[in-house]
């Protein structure tokens, strides 16, 4: 499954997060802070994490949730994890 994600697509990731948050894709900018700018609560953050795990075939640790605060941080986390398993 990792072969499909040799290069993580940021726009695909942006769309997935926008879908979970029920927001227009344009609002999920690279630096928009999920909590402060997009009003993400803990339940929504958990939903993002679950969807990322399913979409990318990864098991994320609770400590990694701290990196899932912006699209850029989420992208960096997933990119590193996917490269590590490929």
N, C-alpha and C. Protein backbone atom coordinates (compact mmCIF):
# COMPACT_ATOMS: atom_id res chain seq x y z
N UNK A 1 0.82 -1.20 0.00
CA UNK A 1 0.00 0.00 0.00
C UNK A 1 0.86 1.26 0.00
N UNK A 2 2.03 1.19 0.60
CA UNK A 2 2.92 2.35 0.66
C UNK A 2 3.37 2.78 -0.73
N UNK A 3 3.41 1.83 -1.69
CA UNK A 3 3.84 2.18 -3.04
C UNK A 3 2.96 3.25 -3.65
N UNK A 4 1.69 3.22 -3.34
CA UNK A 4 0.75 4.20 -3.89
C UNK A 4 1.09 5.60 -3.41
N UNK A 5 1.75 5.71 -2.27
CA UNK A 5 2.00 7.01 -1.66
C UNK A 5 3.48 7.36 -1.62
N UNK A 6 4.23 6.97 -2.67
CA UNK A 6 5.64 7.33 -2.72
C UNK A 6 5.80 8.84 -2.62
N UNK A 7 4.88 9.58 -3.22
CA UNK A 7 4.87 11.03 -3.11
C UNK A 7 3.51 11.43 -2.57
N UNK A 8 3.51 11.95 -1.38
CA UNK A 8 2.28 12.38 -0.74
C UNK A 8 1.72 13.59 -1.48
N UNK A 9 0.45 13.56 -1.82
CA UNK A 9 -0.21 14.66 -2.54
C UNK A 9 -0.83 15.61 -1.52
N UNK A 10 -0.27 16.81 -1.42
CA UNK A 10 -0.76 17.78 -0.43
C UNK A 10 -2.21 18.19 -0.71
N UNK A 11 -2.57 18.31 -1.98
CA UNK A 11 -3.94 18.74 -2.30
C UNK A 11 -4.95 17.65 -1.95
N UNK A 12 -4.55 16.39 -2.12
CA UNK A 12 -5.42 15.29 -1.72
C UNK A 12 -5.60 15.31 -0.20
N UNK A 13 -4.51 15.56 0.51
CA UNK A 13 -4.56 15.65 1.97
C UNK A 13 -5.43 16.83 2.40
N UNK A 14 -5.29 17.97 1.74
CA UNK A 14 -6.09 19.16 2.04
C UNK A 14 -7.58 18.83 1.87
N UNK A 15 -7.91 18.14 0.79
CA UNK A 15 -9.30 17.76 0.53
C UNK A 15 -9.85 16.82 1.59
N UNK A 16 -9.05 15.87 2.03
CA UNK A 16 -9.48 14.93 3.06
C UNK A 16 -9.78 15.68 4.37
N UNK A 17 -8.89 16.58 4.75
CA UNK A 17 -9.09 17.33 6.00
C UNK A 17 -10.29 18.26 5.87
N UNK A 18 -10.45 18.91 4.74
CA UNK A 18 -11.60 19.78 4.52
C UNK A 18 -12.90 18.99 4.62
N UNK A 19 -12.90 17.78 4.08
CA UNK A 19 -14.08 16.92 4.13
C UNK A 19 -14.44 16.55 5.57
N UNK A 20 -13.43 16.16 6.35
CA UNK A 20 -13.67 15.80 7.75
C UNK A 20 -14.23 16.99 8.52
N UNK A 21 -13.68 18.17 8.25
CA UNK A 21 -14.09 19.37 8.99
C UNK A 21 -15.33 20.04 8.38
N UNK A 22 -15.79 19.53 7.25
CA UNK A 22 -16.94 20.08 6.55
C UNK A 22 -16.71 21.57 6.24
N UNK A 23 -15.53 21.83 5.67
CA UNK A 23 -15.14 23.19 5.31
C UNK A 23 -14.79 23.24 3.83
N UNK A 24 -14.88 24.43 3.23
CA UNK A 24 -14.37 24.57 1.86
C UNK A 24 -12.86 24.32 1.85
N UNK A 25 -12.37 23.68 0.80
CA UNK A 25 -10.96 23.35 0.70
C UNK A 25 -10.09 24.60 0.86
N UNK A 26 -10.55 25.73 0.35
CA UNK A 26 -9.76 26.96 0.39
C UNK A 26 -9.48 27.43 1.83
N UNK A 27 -10.32 27.05 2.77
CA UNK A 27 -10.10 27.46 4.16
C UNK A 27 -8.98 26.66 4.84
N UNK A 28 -8.66 25.50 4.30
CA UNK A 28 -7.61 24.66 4.88
C UNK A 28 -6.29 25.05 4.22
N UNK A 29 -5.76 26.20 4.63
CA UNK A 29 -4.48 26.66 4.08
C UNK A 29 -3.35 25.92 4.78
N UNK A 30 -2.16 26.02 4.23
CA UNK A 30 -1.01 25.31 4.78
C UNK A 30 -0.76 25.66 6.24
N UNK A 31 -0.95 26.91 6.60
CA UNK A 31 -0.61 27.36 7.95
C UNK A 31 -1.81 27.62 8.85
N UNK A 32 -3.03 27.40 8.37
CA UNK A 32 -4.21 27.59 9.22
C UNK A 32 -4.15 26.61 10.38
N UNK A 33 -4.16 27.13 11.58
CA UNK A 33 -4.09 26.29 12.77
C UNK A 33 -5.46 25.66 12.98
N UNK A 34 -5.50 24.34 13.08
CA UNK A 34 -6.78 23.64 13.18
C UNK A 34 -7.60 24.12 14.38
N UNK A 35 -6.99 24.25 15.51
CA UNK A 35 -7.69 24.65 16.73
C UNK A 35 -8.06 26.13 16.71
N UNK A 36 -7.07 26.99 16.48
CA UNK A 36 -7.29 28.43 16.58
C UNK A 36 -8.04 29.03 15.40
N UNK A 37 -7.74 28.57 14.20
CA UNK A 37 -8.31 29.17 12.99
C UNK A 37 -9.52 28.43 12.44
N UNK A 38 -9.55 27.11 12.63
CA UNK A 38 -10.61 26.30 12.02
C UNK A 38 -11.58 25.69 13.04
N UNK A 39 -11.41 26.07 14.31
CA UNK A 39 -12.32 25.62 15.38
C UNK A 39 -12.44 24.11 15.52
N UNK A 40 -11.33 23.41 15.35
CA UNK A 40 -11.31 21.96 15.51
C UNK A 40 -11.31 21.63 17.01
N UNK A 41 -12.24 20.77 17.41
CA UNK A 41 -12.25 20.32 18.80
C UNK A 41 -11.57 18.95 18.88
N UNK A 42 -11.46 18.40 20.08
CA UNK A 42 -10.74 17.15 20.26
C UNK A 42 -11.38 15.99 19.50
N UNK A 43 -12.69 15.97 19.41
CA UNK A 43 -13.38 14.90 18.67
C UNK A 43 -13.07 15.00 17.17
N UNK A 44 -13.06 16.21 16.65
CA UNK A 44 -12.74 16.40 15.24
C UNK A 44 -11.28 16.03 14.97
N UNK A 45 -10.39 16.37 15.89
CA UNK A 45 -8.97 16.03 15.74
C UNK A 45 -8.80 14.52 15.70
N UNK A 46 -9.53 13.82 16.54
CA UNK A 46 -9.47 12.36 16.55
C UNK A 46 -10.01 11.80 15.24
N UNK A 47 -11.06 12.39 14.73
CA UNK A 47 -11.63 11.95 13.45
C UNK A 47 -10.62 12.16 12.32
N UNK A 48 -9.91 13.28 12.34
CA UNK A 48 -8.87 13.52 11.33
C UNK A 48 -7.82 12.41 11.42
N UNK A 49 -7.39 12.10 12.63
CA UNK A 49 -6.36 11.08 12.83
C UNK A 49 -6.83 9.72 12.31
N UNK A 50 -8.05 9.35 12.61
CA UNK A 50 -8.60 8.06 12.16
C UNK A 50 -8.67 8.03 10.63
N UNK A 51 -9.13 9.11 10.04
CA UNK A 51 -9.23 9.15 8.58
C UNK A 51 -7.86 9.09 7.92
N UNK A 52 -6.87 9.75 8.52
CA UNK A 52 -5.50 9.70 7.98
C UNK A 52 -4.95 8.28 8.05
N UNK A 53 -5.20 7.61 9.18
CA UNK A 53 -4.74 6.23 9.33
C UNK A 53 -5.34 5.33 8.27
N UNK A 54 -6.63 5.47 8.03
CA UNK A 54 -7.31 4.65 7.03
C UNK A 54 -6.84 4.98 5.63
N UNK A 55 -6.73 6.25 5.32
CA UNK A 55 -6.38 6.68 3.97
C UNK A 55 -4.96 6.31 3.60
N UNK A 56 -4.06 6.35 4.57
CA UNK A 56 -2.64 6.14 4.26
C UNK A 56 -2.07 4.85 4.82
N UNK A 57 -2.91 4.03 5.42
CA UNK A 57 -2.46 2.73 5.89
C UNK A 57 -1.41 2.80 6.98
N UNK A 58 -1.54 3.78 7.86
CA UNK A 58 -0.58 3.97 8.95
C UNK A 58 -1.27 3.83 10.29
N UNK A 59 -0.47 3.59 11.30
CA UNK A 59 -0.95 3.62 12.68
C UNK A 59 -0.23 4.79 13.34
N UNK A 60 -0.97 5.85 13.65
CA UNK A 60 -0.37 7.03 14.26
C UNK A 60 -0.44 6.92 15.77
N UNK A 61 0.59 7.38 16.42
CA UNK A 61 0.65 7.37 17.88
C UNK A 61 -0.04 8.62 18.43
N UNK A 62 -0.55 8.53 19.65
CA UNK A 62 -1.20 9.69 20.26
C UNK A 62 -0.25 10.88 20.35
N UNK A 63 1.03 10.61 20.57
CA UNK A 63 2.00 11.71 20.66
C UNK A 63 2.13 12.45 19.33
N UNK A 64 1.85 11.76 18.23
CA UNK A 64 1.94 12.39 16.92
C UNK A 64 0.76 13.33 16.66
N UNK A 65 -0.28 13.22 17.44
CA UNK A 65 -1.43 14.11 17.30
C UNK A 65 -1.00 15.56 17.46
N UNK A 66 0.06 15.81 18.23
CA UNK A 66 0.57 17.16 18.42
C UNK A 66 1.06 17.77 17.11
N UNK A 67 1.46 16.96 16.16
CA UNK A 67 1.93 17.45 14.85
C UNK A 67 0.77 17.74 13.91
N UNK A 68 -0.41 17.25 14.26
CA UNK A 68 -1.57 17.42 13.39
C UNK A 68 -2.33 18.67 13.82
N UNK A 69 -1.68 19.82 13.64
CA UNK A 69 -2.30 21.09 14.03
C UNK A 69 -2.44 22.04 12.86
N UNK A 70 -1.71 21.79 11.79
CA UNK A 70 -1.82 22.55 10.55
C UNK A 70 -1.68 21.57 9.39
N UNK A 71 -2.08 21.99 8.22
CA UNK A 71 -1.91 21.12 7.05
C UNK A 71 -0.43 20.86 6.81
N UNK A 72 0.40 21.89 6.95
CA UNK A 72 1.84 21.73 6.72
C UNK A 72 2.43 20.72 7.71
N UNK A 73 2.08 20.81 8.98
CA UNK A 73 2.58 19.87 9.97
C UNK A 73 2.10 18.47 9.73
N UNK A 74 0.85 18.33 9.34
CA UNK A 74 0.28 17.02 9.04
C UNK A 74 0.97 16.41 7.83
N UNK A 75 1.19 17.23 6.82
CA UNK A 75 1.88 16.76 5.61
C UNK A 75 3.28 16.27 5.96
N UNK A 76 4.02 17.05 6.74
CA UNK A 76 5.38 16.67 7.10
C UNK A 76 5.40 15.36 7.89
N UNK A 77 4.47 15.21 8.83
CA UNK A 77 4.38 13.98 9.62
C UNK A 77 4.12 12.78 8.72
N UNK A 78 3.10 12.88 7.87
CA UNK A 78 2.74 11.76 6.99
C UNK A 78 3.84 11.47 5.98
N UNK A 79 4.44 12.50 5.43
CA UNK A 79 5.50 12.31 4.45
C UNK A 79 6.66 11.53 5.08
N UNK A 80 7.04 11.92 6.29
CA UNK A 80 8.12 11.22 6.98
C UNK A 80 7.77 9.78 7.30
N UNK A 81 6.55 9.56 7.75
CA UNK A 81 6.12 8.20 8.10
C UNK A 81 6.03 7.32 6.87
N UNK A 82 5.50 7.86 5.77
CA UNK A 82 5.37 7.07 4.55
C UNK A 82 6.73 6.73 3.95
N UNK A 83 7.66 7.67 4.01
CA UNK A 83 9.01 7.39 3.52
C UNK A 83 9.69 6.33 4.36
N UNK A 84 9.39 6.32 5.66
CA UNK A 84 10.01 5.35 6.57
C UNK A 84 9.53 3.92 6.29
N UNK A 85 8.31 3.77 5.80
CA UNK A 85 7.77 2.43 5.55
C UNK A 85 7.96 1.97 4.11
N UNK A 86 8.40 2.87 3.24
CA UNK A 86 8.55 2.47 1.82
C UNK A 86 9.92 1.91 1.53
